[in-house]
Amino acid sequence: MNPVPEGSQISVEIEDGLHKLIIPQPSGGVARFFAAAFLTVWLVGWAFGWVSAYRGLTASGDQSGGFMLFWLVGWSIGGIFALAFLFRLARPSQPETLILSRPNLIYDTGLAPLKLSGYGNAQIKTLKMLFDKRQRLEFDATQLRTLALREHEAGSRLTIDVGHKRLELGAGATDPEREWLHATLTDKYRF
């Protein structure tokens, strides 16, 4: 195996005679902690509003029961979404791992930190990341032949095709690290 590029954050471990490449996730940035603090304070206010609405709904002689019920359901859905967002902001990231076994490559996606970013497509990507789950995949020889280092406007991307999906490997890696990963995987699996 080629040595890891100088200054790389990727670590190589040998586990049960197999090389395990560990790729740390990028930092989620400081903004996520400010967002988590704000959301925590907001949820305290949300709880007071929910309790107040519930008491108003259950109070005898209240004429606005239909509206209060509608409002309480909407308020509850918003609170559940906010709790999920807070959980995702506070959850620690998990590194990507590649286990170089034979004949298949075993890949663990890890968990990237939730990034708060911009407008438009960036917001949609943030919402999709909110519900991301860690996956463990195994790539066979046919899938490994689709491994490619692709040039992109923001740098290179290391991709592999699985059915109709194109997965990105080493999303948190730098361009030299992705080039090293591509060379290492190509050399190991000889395709």
N, C-alpha and C. Protein backbone atom coordinates (compact mmCIF):
# COMPACT_ATOMS: atom_id res chain seq x y z
N MET A 1 0.84 -1.18 0.00
CA MET A 1 0.00 0.00 0.00
C MET A 1 0.89 1.24 0.00
N ASN A 2 0.51 2.23 -0.81
CA ASN A 2 1.24 3.48 -0.87
C ASN A 2 1.13 4.21 0.47
N PRO A 3 2.16 4.94 0.87
CA PRO A 3 2.04 5.70 2.12
C PRO A 3 1.01 6.82 1.99
N VAL A 4 0.36 7.13 3.09
CA VAL A 4 -0.64 8.19 3.13
C VAL A 4 0.07 9.51 2.85
N PRO A 5 -0.57 10.43 2.10
CA PRO A 5 0.08 11.72 1.81
C PRO A 5 0.48 12.45 3.09
N GLU A 6 1.58 13.19 2.99
CA GLU A 6 2.08 13.93 4.15
C GLU A 6 1.04 14.94 4.62
N GLY A 7 0.82 14.99 5.93
CA GLY A 7 -0.15 15.92 6.51
C GLY A 7 -1.59 15.45 6.42
N SER A 8 -1.78 14.23 5.94
CA SER A 8 -3.14 13.70 5.77
C SER A 8 -3.76 13.35 7.12
N GLN A 9 -5.08 13.52 7.21
CA GLN A 9 -5.84 13.14 8.39
C GLN A 9 -6.30 11.68 8.33
N ILE A 10 -6.12 11.04 7.18
CA ILE A 10 -6.53 9.64 7.01
C ILE A 10 -5.59 8.75 7.81
N SER A 11 -6.17 7.81 8.54
CA SER A 11 -5.33 6.86 9.27
C SER A 11 -5.58 5.45 8.73
N VAL A 12 -4.56 4.63 8.80
CA VAL A 12 -4.62 3.25 8.33
C VAL A 12 -4.39 2.33 9.52
N GLU A 13 -5.34 1.43 9.74
CA GLU A 13 -5.20 0.44 10.80
C GLU A 13 -5.28 -0.94 10.18
N ILE A 14 -4.64 -1.89 10.81
CA ILE A 14 -4.74 -3.27 10.36
C ILE A 14 -5.58 -4.01 11.40
N GLU A 15 -6.71 -4.54 10.93
CA GLU A 15 -7.66 -5.21 11.80
C GLU A 15 -7.97 -6.57 11.21
N ASP A 16 -7.68 -7.63 11.92
CA ASP A 16 -7.88 -9.01 11.43
C ASP A 16 -7.17 -9.25 10.11
N GLY A 17 -6.00 -8.67 9.94
CA GLY A 17 -5.21 -8.85 8.72
C GLY A 17 -5.68 -8.01 7.55
N LEU A 18 -6.69 -7.16 7.75
CA LEU A 18 -7.22 -6.31 6.68
C LEU A 18 -6.88 -4.85 6.95
N HIS A 19 -6.58 -4.11 5.88
CA HIS A 19 -6.32 -2.69 6.02
C HIS A 19 -7.65 -1.95 6.17
N LYS A 20 -7.71 -1.11 7.17
CA LYS A 20 -8.90 -0.30 7.42
C LYS A 20 -8.49 1.17 7.30
N LEU A 21 -9.08 1.86 6.32
CA LEU A 21 -8.79 3.27 6.10
C LEU A 21 -9.86 4.10 6.80
N ILE A 22 -9.45 5.00 7.66
CA ILE A 22 -10.37 5.82 8.43
C ILE A 22 -10.23 7.27 7.96
N ILE A 23 -11.34 7.79 7.44
CA ILE A 23 -11.35 9.15 6.88
C ILE A 23 -12.21 10.03 7.79
N PRO A 24 -11.60 10.96 8.52
CA PRO A 24 -12.39 11.79 9.43
C PRO A 24 -13.33 12.71 8.65
N GLN A 25 -14.45 13.03 9.26
CA GLN A 25 -15.42 13.94 8.67
C GLN A 25 -14.93 15.38 8.86
N PRO A 26 -15.35 16.29 7.97
CA PRO A 26 -14.97 17.70 8.16
C PRO A 26 -15.69 18.29 9.37
N SER A 27 -15.20 19.40 9.83
CA SER A 27 -15.83 20.07 10.96
C SER A 27 -17.18 20.64 10.54
N GLY A 28 -18.13 20.60 11.42
CA GLY A 28 -19.44 21.18 11.14
C GLY A 28 -19.45 22.68 11.32
N GLY A 29 -18.37 23.23 11.84
CA GLY A 29 -18.28 24.67 12.05
C GLY A 29 -18.88 25.08 13.38
N VAL A 30 -18.55 26.27 13.79
CA VAL A 30 -19.00 26.82 15.06
C VAL A 30 -20.48 27.20 14.99
N ALA A 31 -20.96 27.54 13.82
CA ALA A 31 -22.34 28.00 13.66
C ALA A 31 -23.35 26.98 14.18
N ARG A 32 -23.03 25.70 14.07
CA ARG A 32 -23.99 24.69 14.52
C ARG A 32 -24.19 24.73 16.03
N PHE A 33 -23.16 25.13 16.79
CA PHE A 33 -23.32 25.24 18.24
C PHE A 33 -24.18 26.43 18.62
N PHE A 34 -24.02 27.54 17.89
CA PHE A 34 -24.89 28.70 18.13
C PHE A 34 -26.33 28.35 17.77
N ALA A 35 -26.51 27.64 16.66
CA ALA A 35 -27.86 27.22 16.26
C ALA A 35 -28.47 26.28 17.30
N ALA A 36 -27.66 25.38 17.84
CA ALA A 36 -28.16 24.45 18.86
C ALA A 36 -28.56 25.21 20.13
N ALA A 37 -27.77 26.20 20.53
CA ALA A 37 -28.10 26.99 21.72
C ALA A 37 -29.39 27.78 21.49
N PHE A 38 -29.52 28.40 20.32
CA PHE A 38 -30.74 29.15 20.01
C PHE A 38 -31.95 28.22 20.00
N LEU A 39 -31.79 27.06 19.38
CA LEU A 39 -32.90 26.11 19.28
C LEU A 39 -33.31 25.59 20.66
N THR A 40 -32.36 25.42 21.55
CA THR A 40 -32.68 24.98 22.91
C THR A 40 -33.54 26.02 23.62
N VAL A 41 -33.14 27.28 23.52
CA VAL A 41 -33.92 28.37 24.13
C VAL A 41 -35.30 28.45 23.48
N TRP A 42 -35.35 28.32 22.16
CA TRP A 42 -36.63 28.36 21.45
C TRP A 42 -37.54 27.23 21.90
N LEU A 43 -36.99 26.04 22.11
CA LEU A 43 -37.80 24.90 22.54
C LEU A 43 -38.38 25.09 23.94
N VAL A 44 -37.68 25.83 24.80
CA VAL A 44 -38.25 26.14 26.12
C VAL A 44 -39.50 27.00 25.93
N GLY A 45 -39.40 28.01 25.09
CA GLY A 45 -40.58 28.84 24.77
C GLY A 45 -41.67 28.02 24.10
N TRP A 46 -41.26 27.11 23.22
CA TRP A 46 -42.22 26.23 22.55
C TRP A 46 -42.99 25.40 23.57
N ALA A 47 -42.29 24.87 24.58
CA ALA A 47 -42.93 24.04 25.60
C ALA A 47 -43.96 24.85 26.39
N PHE A 48 -43.61 26.09 26.74
CA PHE A 48 -44.58 26.94 27.45
C PHE A 48 -45.81 27.19 26.58
N GLY A 49 -45.60 27.45 25.29
CA GLY A 49 -46.73 27.66 24.38
C GLY A 49 -47.59 26.42 24.25
N TRP A 50 -46.96 25.26 24.19
CA TRP A 50 -47.70 24.01 24.05
C TRP A 50 -48.56 23.76 25.29
N VAL A 51 -47.97 23.94 26.48
CA VAL A 51 -48.70 23.73 27.73
C VAL A 51 -49.86 24.71 27.83
N SER A 52 -49.62 25.95 27.47
CA SER A 52 -50.67 26.97 27.50
C SER A 52 -51.82 26.60 26.57
N ALA A 53 -51.49 26.16 25.35
CA ALA A 53 -52.53 25.78 24.40
C ALA A 53 -53.30 24.55 24.88
N TYR A 54 -52.59 23.60 25.45
CA TYR A 54 -53.25 22.40 25.96
C TYR A 54 -54.21 22.74 27.11
N ARG A 55 -53.75 23.61 28.01
CA ARG A 55 -54.64 24.03 29.11
C ARG A 55 -55.85 24.77 28.58
N GLY A 56 -55.64 25.60 27.58
CA GLY A 56 -56.76 26.33 26.97
C GLY A 56 -57.74 25.39 26.30
N LEU A 57 -57.23 24.33 25.71
CA LEU A 57 -58.09 23.36 25.03
C LEU A 57 -58.90 22.54 26.02
N THR A 58 -58.29 22.20 27.14
CA THR A 58 -58.98 21.35 28.11
C THR A 58 -59.83 22.14 29.11
N ALA A 59 -59.69 23.47 29.09
CA ALA A 59 -60.50 24.29 30.01
C ALA A 59 -61.97 24.20 29.62
N SER A 60 -62.80 24.11 30.60
CA SER A 60 -64.24 23.99 30.33
C SER A 60 -64.79 25.33 29.88
N GLY A 61 -65.76 25.27 28.97
CA GLY A 61 -66.45 26.45 28.48
C GLY A 61 -65.70 27.21 27.41
N ASP A 62 -64.59 26.66 26.88
CA ASP A 62 -63.84 27.35 25.83
C ASP A 62 -64.54 27.16 24.50
N GLN A 63 -64.85 28.28 23.83
CA GLN A 63 -65.57 28.25 22.55
C GLN A 63 -64.64 27.99 21.35
N SER A 64 -63.33 28.17 21.53
CA SER A 64 -62.40 28.07 20.39
C SER A 64 -61.68 26.73 20.35
N GLY A 65 -62.33 25.65 20.77
CA GLY A 65 -61.70 24.34 20.84
C GLY A 65 -61.20 23.82 19.52
N GLY A 66 -61.92 24.03 18.41
CA GLY A 66 -61.50 23.55 17.09
C GLY A 66 -60.22 24.21 16.63
N PHE A 67 -60.16 25.54 16.81
CA PHE A 67 -58.95 26.25 16.41
C PHE A 67 -57.77 25.83 17.28
N MET A 68 -57.99 25.73 18.59
CA MET A 68 -56.91 25.38 19.51
C MET A 68 -56.37 23.97 19.21
N LEU A 69 -57.24 23.06 18.87
CA LEU A 69 -56.81 21.71 18.52
C LEU A 69 -55.95 21.75 17.25
N PHE A 70 -56.42 22.48 16.25
CA PHE A 70 -55.66 22.63 15.00
C PHE A 70 -54.29 23.26 15.29
N TRP A 71 -54.27 24.31 16.11
CA TRP A 71 -53.03 25.00 16.45
C TRP A 71 -52.10 24.08 17.22
N LEU A 72 -52.63 23.31 18.15
CA LEU A 72 -51.83 22.41 18.97
C LEU A 72 -51.17 21.31 18.13
N VAL A 73 -51.91 20.77 17.16
CA VAL A 73 -51.34 19.76 16.27
C VAL A 73 -50.20 20.36 15.45
N GLY A 74 -50.42 21.53 14.87
CA GLY A 74 -49.36 22.19 14.09
C GLY A 74 -48.15 22.53 14.95
N TRP A 75 -48.40 23.02 16.16
CA TRP A 75 -47.35 23.37 17.09
C TRP A 75 -46.54 22.13 17.48
N SER A 76 -47.22 21.01 17.67
CA SER A 76 -46.55 19.75 18.02
C SER A 76 -45.66 19.27 16.89
N ILE A 77 -46.14 19.34 15.66
CA ILE A 77 -45.34 18.92 14.51
C ILE A 77 -44.09 19.79 14.40
N GLY A 78 -44.24 21.09 14.58
CA GLY A 78 -43.10 22.00 14.54
C GLY A 78 -42.09 21.68 15.64
N GLY A 79 -42.58 21.35 16.82
CA GLY A 79 -41.69 21.01 17.93
C GLY A 79 -40.93 19.71 17.69
N ILE A 80 -41.61 18.73 17.12
CA ILE A 80 -40.95 17.46 16.81
C ILE A 80 -39.83 17.68 15.78
N PHE A 81 -40.12 18.49 14.76
CA PHE A 81 -39.11 18.81 13.75
C PHE A 81 -37.93 19.54 14.39
N ALA A 82 -38.21 20.49 15.30
CA ALA A 82 -37.14 21.24 15.97
C ALA A 82 -36.29 20.32 16.85
N LEU A 83 -36.94 19.37 17.54
CA LEU A 83 -36.19 18.41 18.36
C LEU A 83 -35.28 17.54 17.50
N ALA A 84 -35.79 17.10 16.34
CA ALA A 84 -34.97 16.29 15.43
C ALA A 84 -33.78 17.10 14.93
N PHE A 85 -34.01 18.36 14.62
CA PHE A 85 -32.94 19.23 14.14
C PHE A 85 -31.89 19.44 15.24
N LEU A 86 -32.35 19.66 16.48
CA LEU A 86 -31.44 19.83 17.61
C LEU A 86 -30.61 18.56 17.84
N PHE A 87 -31.27 17.41 17.78
CA PHE A 87 -30.55 16.14 17.95
C PHE A 87 -29.47 15.99 16.89
N ARG A 88 -29.79 16.31 15.65
CA ARG A 88 -28.83 16.17 14.55
C ARG A 88 -27.67 17.15 14.69
N LEU A 89 -27.97 18.37 15.20
CA LEU A 89 -26.91 19.35 15.42
C LEU A 89 -25.95 18.90 16.51
N ALA A 90 -26.48 18.29 17.55
CA ALA A 90 -25.66 17.91 18.71
C ALA A 90 -24.97 16.56 18.55
N ARG A 91 -25.44 15.73 17.62
CA ARG A 91 -24.88 14.38 17.46
C ARG A 91 -23.45 14.47 16.93
N PRO A 92 -22.50 13.75 17.54
CA PRO A 92 -21.12 13.80 17.06
C PRO A 92 -20.98 13.08 15.71
N SER A 93 -20.02 13.54 14.94
CA SER A 93 -19.79 12.91 13.64
C SER A 93 -19.06 11.58 13.81
N GLN A 94 -19.18 10.72 12.82
CA GLN A 94 -18.50 9.42 12.78
C GLN A 94 -17.69 9.36 11.49
N PRO A 95 -16.46 8.89 11.53
CA PRO A 95 -15.63 8.88 10.33
C PRO A 95 -16.10 7.85 9.30
N GLU A 96 -15.77 8.11 8.04
CA GLU A 96 -15.97 7.13 6.97
C GLU A 96 -14.89 6.07 7.14
N THR A 97 -15.23 4.82 6.84
CA THR A 97 -14.21 3.77 6.87
C THR A 97 -14.32 2.91 5.63
N LEU A 98 -13.17 2.48 5.16
CA LEU A 98 -13.06 1.55 4.04
C LEU A 98 -12.24 0.36 4.53
N ILE A 99 -12.80 -0.84 4.42
CA ILE A 99 -12.06 -2.05 4.80
C ILE A 99 -11.71 -2.77 3.51
N LEU A 100 -10.41 -2.91 3.26
CA LEU A 100 -9.92 -3.50 2.02
C LEU A 100 -9.88 -5.02 2.16
N SER A 101 -11.02 -5.64 2.00
CA SER A 101 -11.09 -7.10 2.06
C SER A 101 -11.10 -7.64 0.64
N ARG A 102 -11.04 -8.93 0.52
CA ARG A 102 -11.09 -9.58 -0.79
C ARG A 102 -12.29 -10.48 -0.86
N PRO A 103 -13.04 -10.54 -1.89
CA PRO A 103 -12.92 -9.79 -3.13
C PRO A 103 -13.65 -8.45 -3.09
N ASN A 104 -14.40 -8.18 -2.00
CA ASN A 104 -15.21 -6.98 -1.93
C ASN A 104 -14.57 -5.90 -1.06
N LEU A 105 -14.99 -4.67 -1.30
CA LEU A 105 -14.60 -3.52 -0.49
C LEU A 105 -15.76 -3.22 0.44
N ILE A 106 -15.50 -3.10 1.73
CA ILE A 106 -16.54 -2.81 2.70
C ILE A 106 -16.45 -1.33 3.06
N TYR A 107 -17.57 -0.64 2.95
CA TYR A 107 -17.61 0.82 3.13
C TYR A 107 -18.64 1.19 4.18
N ASP A 108 -18.24 2.00 5.13
CA ASP A 108 -19.13 2.55 6.15
C ASP A 108 -19.17 4.06 5.92
N THR A 109 -20.35 4.59 5.66
CA THR A 109 -20.48 6.01 5.32
C THR A 109 -20.16 6.95 6.47
N GLY A 110 -20.25 6.45 7.71
CA GLY A 110 -20.06 7.34 8.84
C GLY A 110 -21.20 8.34 8.91
N LEU A 111 -21.03 9.36 9.70
CA LEU A 111 -22.02 10.44 9.81
C LEU A 111 -21.31 11.78 9.76
N ALA A 112 -21.66 12.57 8.76
CA ALA A 112 -21.08 13.91 8.66
C ALA A 112 -21.83 14.85 9.60
N PRO A 113 -21.15 15.86 10.13
CA PRO A 113 -21.87 16.82 10.96
C PRO A 113 -22.83 17.63 10.10
N LEU A 114 -23.92 18.04 10.69
CA LEU A 114 -24.91 18.84 9.97
C LEU A 114 -24.32 20.21 9.71
N LYS A 115 -24.32 20.63 8.46
CA LYS A 115 -23.79 21.93 8.09
C LYS A 115 -24.95 22.88 7.84
N LEU A 116 -24.85 24.05 8.40
CA LEU A 116 -25.84 25.09 8.16
C LEU A 116 -25.27 25.97 7.08
N SER A 117 -25.98 26.06 5.96
CA SER A 117 -25.41 26.81 4.85
C SER A 117 -26.48 27.46 4.01
N GLY A 118 -26.10 28.53 3.38
CA GLY A 118 -26.75 29.30 2.35
C GLY A 118 -28.21 29.12 2.02
N TYR A 119 -28.50 29.39 0.77
CA TYR A 119 -29.87 29.40 0.26
C TYR A 119 -30.04 28.40 -0.87
N GLY A 120 -31.26 28.16 -1.25
CA GLY A 120 -31.58 27.33 -2.41
C GLY A 120 -31.20 25.88 -2.22
N ASN A 121 -30.34 25.37 -3.12
CA ASN A 121 -29.94 23.96 -3.09
C ASN A 121 -29.21 23.60 -1.79
N ALA A 122 -28.49 24.56 -1.21
CA ALA A 122 -27.78 24.28 0.04
C ALA A 122 -28.77 23.99 1.16
N GLN A 123 -29.90 24.71 1.18
CA GLN A 123 -30.91 24.44 2.20
C GLN A 123 -31.54 23.07 2.01
N ILE A 124 -31.79 22.70 0.77
CA ILE A 124 -32.36 21.38 0.48
C ILE A 124 -31.39 20.30 0.91
N LYS A 125 -30.09 20.50 0.65
CA LYS A 125 -29.08 19.52 1.06
C LYS A 125 -29.04 19.41 2.59
N THR A 126 -29.18 20.54 3.30
CA THR A 126 -29.20 20.51 4.76
C THR A 126 -30.39 19.72 5.26
N LEU A 127 -31.56 19.92 4.64
CA LEU A 127 -32.75 19.17 5.06
C LEU A 127 -32.59 17.68 4.80
N LYS A 128 -31.97 17.32 3.68
CA LYS A 128 -31.73 15.90 3.40
C LYS A 128 -30.75 15.31 4.41
N MET A 129 -29.72 16.08 4.80
CA MET A 129 -28.74 15.62 5.78
C MET A 129 -29.37 15.40 7.15
N LEU A 130 -30.48 16.12 7.42
CA LEU A 130 -31.15 15.99 8.70
C LEU A 130 -31.59 14.55 8.95
N PHE A 131 -31.95 13.85 7.89
CA PHE A 131 -32.45 12.49 8.02
C PHE A 131 -31.47 11.44 7.52
N ASP A 132 -30.20 11.82 7.31
CA ASP A 132 -29.18 10.86 6.88
C ASP A 132 -28.99 9.77 7.92
N LYS A 133 -28.74 8.58 7.44
CA LYS A 133 -28.45 7.46 8.32
C LYS A 133 -27.12 6.86 7.91
N ARG A 134 -26.44 6.31 8.87
CA ARG A 134 -25.18 5.64 8.61
C ARG A 134 -25.47 4.35 7.86
N GLN A 135 -24.69 4.07 6.82
CA GLN A 135 -24.89 2.86 6.03
C GLN A 135 -23.59 2.08 5.96
N ARG A 136 -23.73 0.78 5.88
CA ARG A 136 -22.58 -0.11 5.65
C ARG A 136 -22.86 -0.84 4.35
N LEU A 137 -21.99 -0.64 3.38
CA LEU A 137 -22.17 -1.20 2.04
C LEU A 137 -20.98 -2.08 1.69
N GLU A 138 -21.23 -3.02 0.80
CA GLU A 138 -20.17 -3.86 0.29
C GLU A 138 -20.18 -3.74 -1.23
N PHE A 139 -19.04 -3.38 -1.80
CA PHE A 139 -18.93 -3.21 -3.24
C PHE A 139 -18.25 -4.43 -3.84
N ASP A 140 -18.88 -5.02 -4.86
CA ASP A 140 -18.30 -6.18 -5.54
C ASP A 140 -17.43 -5.70 -6.71
N ALA A 141 -16.85 -6.65 -7.44
CA ALA A 141 -15.92 -6.33 -8.53
C ALA A 141 -16.58 -5.48 -9.62
N THR A 142 -17.84 -5.76 -9.94
CA THR A 142 -18.55 -5.00 -10.98
C THR A 142 -18.69 -3.55 -10.55
N GLN A 143 -19.07 -3.32 -9.31
CA GLN A 143 -19.23 -1.96 -8.81
C GLN A 143 -17.88 -1.27 -8.67
N LEU A 144 -16.85 -2.02 -8.26
CA LEU A 144 -15.52 -1.42 -8.10
C LEU A 144 -14.95 -0.93 -9.43
N ARG A 145 -15.36 -1.54 -10.53
CA ARG A 145 -14.88 -1.08 -11.85
C ARG A 145 -15.40 0.31 -12.19
N THR A 146 -16.47 0.77 -11.51
CA THR A 146 -17.01 2.11 -11.79
C THR A 146 -16.35 3.19 -10.95
N LEU A 147 -15.41 2.81 -10.08
CA LEU A 147 -14.70 3.78 -9.26
C LEU A 147 -13.99 4.78 -10.16
N ALA A 148 -14.21 6.06 -9.91
CA ALA A 148 -13.61 7.09 -10.77
C ALA A 148 -13.30 8.34 -9.95
N LEU A 149 -12.23 8.99 -10.32
CA LEU A 149 -11.87 10.27 -9.76
C LEU A 149 -12.34 11.32 -10.76
N ARG A 150 -13.34 12.08 -10.41
CA ARG A 150 -13.96 13.02 -11.34
C ARG A 150 -13.63 14.45 -10.94
N GLU A 151 -13.34 15.25 -11.95
CA GLU A 151 -13.09 16.67 -11.70
C GLU A 151 -14.43 17.37 -11.54
N HIS A 152 -14.47 18.29 -10.60
CA HIS A 152 -15.69 19.01 -10.25
C HIS A 152 -15.29 20.47 -10.04
N GLU A 153 -16.23 21.40 -10.13
CA GLU A 153 -15.87 22.81 -9.98
C GLU A 153 -15.26 23.13 -8.62
N ALA A 154 -15.57 22.35 -7.61
CA ALA A 154 -15.02 22.58 -6.27
C ALA A 154 -13.84 21.65 -5.97
N GLY A 155 -13.31 20.97 -6.95
CA GLY A 155 -12.21 20.03 -6.75
C GLY A 155 -12.58 18.67 -7.32
N SER A 156 -11.90 17.64 -6.86
CA SER A 156 -12.19 16.30 -7.38
C SER A 156 -13.19 15.59 -6.49
N ARG A 157 -13.85 14.59 -7.07
CA ARG A 157 -14.78 13.73 -6.34
C ARG A 157 -14.42 12.29 -6.66
N LEU A 158 -14.37 11.46 -5.63
CA LEU A 158 -14.13 10.03 -5.81
C LEU A 158 -15.49 9.35 -5.73
N THR A 159 -15.91 8.75 -6.85
CA THR A 159 -17.26 8.19 -6.91
C THR A 159 -17.25 6.72 -7.28
N ILE A 160 -18.35 6.06 -6.92
CA ILE A 160 -18.58 4.67 -7.31
C ILE A 160 -20.06 4.54 -7.61
N ASP A 161 -20.39 3.81 -8.66
CA ASP A 161 -21.79 3.62 -9.06
C ASP A 161 -22.33 2.34 -8.47
N VAL A 162 -23.48 2.46 -7.82
CA VAL A 162 -24.18 1.31 -7.23
C VAL A 162 -25.59 1.35 -7.80
N GLY A 163 -25.84 0.50 -8.79
CA GLY A 163 -27.14 0.54 -9.45
C GLY A 163 -27.32 1.87 -10.16
N HIS A 164 -28.39 2.56 -9.85
CA HIS A 164 -28.66 3.85 -10.47
C HIS A 164 -28.14 5.03 -9.64
N LYS A 165 -27.46 4.74 -8.53
CA LYS A 165 -26.94 5.80 -7.66
C LYS A 165 -25.44 5.95 -7.83
N ARG A 166 -24.99 7.18 -7.71
CA ARG A 166 -23.55 7.46 -7.71
C ARG A 166 -23.19 7.96 -6.31
N LEU A 167 -22.38 7.17 -5.61
CA LEU A 167 -21.97 7.51 -4.25
C LEU A 167 -20.62 8.19 -4.27
N GLU A 168 -20.45 9.14 -3.36
CA GLU A 168 -19.17 9.82 -3.23
C GLU A 168 -18.43 9.24 -2.03
N LEU A 169 -17.20 8.83 -2.25
CA LEU A 169 -16.34 8.32 -1.19
C LEU A 169 -15.37 9.42 -0.77
N GLY A 170 -15.05 9.48 0.49
CA GLY A 170 -14.07 10.45 0.97
C GLY A 170 -14.52 11.88 0.81
N ALA A 171 -15.78 12.16 1.10
CA ALA A 171 -16.31 13.51 0.93
C ALA A 171 -15.56 14.52 1.80
N GLY A 172 -15.06 14.09 2.95
CA GLY A 172 -14.34 14.99 3.83
C GLY A 172 -12.85 15.05 3.56
N ALA A 173 -12.39 14.30 2.57
CA ALA A 173 -10.95 14.25 2.27
C ALA A 173 -10.56 15.41 1.36
N THR A 174 -9.28 15.73 1.36
CA THR A 174 -8.76 16.75 0.46
C THR A 174 -8.52 16.12 -0.92
N ASP A 175 -8.24 16.95 -1.92
CA ASP A 175 -7.97 16.43 -3.26
C ASP A 175 -6.79 15.46 -3.29
N PRO A 176 -5.63 15.78 -2.67
CA PRO A 176 -4.53 14.80 -2.67
C PRO A 176 -4.91 13.50 -1.97
N GLU A 177 -5.73 13.59 -0.91
CA GLU A 177 -6.15 12.37 -0.22
C GLU A 177 -7.08 11.54 -1.11
N ARG A 178 -7.96 12.19 -1.86
CA ARG A 178 -8.84 11.45 -2.78
C ARG A 178 -8.02 10.79 -3.88
N GLU A 179 -7.00 11.48 -4.38
CA GLU A 179 -6.12 10.89 -5.40
C GLU A 179 -5.41 9.67 -4.83
N TRP A 180 -4.94 9.77 -3.57
CA TRP A 180 -4.29 8.65 -2.92
C TRP A 180 -5.27 7.49 -2.74
N LEU A 181 -6.50 7.79 -2.30
CA LEU A 181 -7.52 6.75 -2.15
C LEU A 181 -7.79 6.05 -3.47
N HIS A 182 -7.92 6.83 -4.54
CA HIS A 182 -8.17 6.26 -5.87
C HIS A 182 -7.02 5.34 -6.27
N ALA A 183 -5.79 5.81 -6.11
CA ALA A 183 -4.62 5.00 -6.48
C ALA A 183 -4.54 3.74 -5.62
N THR A 184 -4.81 3.86 -4.32
CA THR A 184 -4.75 2.71 -3.41
C THR A 184 -5.80 1.67 -3.76
N LEU A 185 -7.03 2.11 -4.00
CA LEU A 185 -8.11 1.17 -4.33
C LEU A 185 -7.90 0.53 -5.70
N THR A 186 -7.44 1.32 -6.66
CA THR A 186 -7.17 0.78 -7.99
C THR A 186 -6.06 -0.26 -7.92
N ASP A 187 -5.02 0.03 -7.16
CA ASP A 187 -3.91 -0.91 -7.02
C ASP A 187 -4.34 -2.18 -6.29
N LYS A 188 -5.15 -2.03 -5.23
CA LYS A 188 -5.57 -3.19 -4.43
C LYS A 188 -6.50 -4.12 -5.22
N TYR A 189 -7.42 -3.54 -5.98
CA TYR A 189 -8.42 -4.35 -6.67
C TYR A 189 -8.12 -4.54 -8.16
N ARG A 190 -7.06 -3.94 -8.67
CA ARG A 190 -6.54 -4.17 -10.03
C ARG A 190 -7.63 -4.18 -11.10
N PHE A 191 -8.27 -3.06 -11.28
CA PHE A 191 -9.28 -2.97 -12.34
C PHE A 191 -8.91 -1.90 -13.33
